[in-house]
Amino acid sequence: MPLKSKKYLLCRNKVRDYRKWRKLFDGDAQAHREAGLVLTHVWRDSASKNNVFFLFVVENLKKAKAFISAPDAKQQATESGVTAGDYHFLDSVDLY
């Protein structure tokens, strides 16, 4: 039986200093929620601890896209020490 499809936002950030990045990231929790984003997971690469992956459930796609493309988003990323990154909006699909 197919499940209702959910939307997700999967992000990867390469950061200079995980602790600094995490402090600023956690400080954005309310802004994430207001943008229709619910954080579900944060991972660090086993071989490169400054390579961080995180996953949000997207409750409001329009707000989420506006949030990540806002003019100050790039500035905030730079301030938090992000040196590279990417993001992907995903739709869930049925499991086997």
Foldseek 3Di string as FASTA:
>chain_A
DWDDKWKKKKKKFQFPDVVLLVVLVVVCVVVCVVLQWAWDDKDADPVRRSIIMTMTTGRDVVSVVCVCPPPCNVVSCVVSGTPDMDMDMDMDTDDD
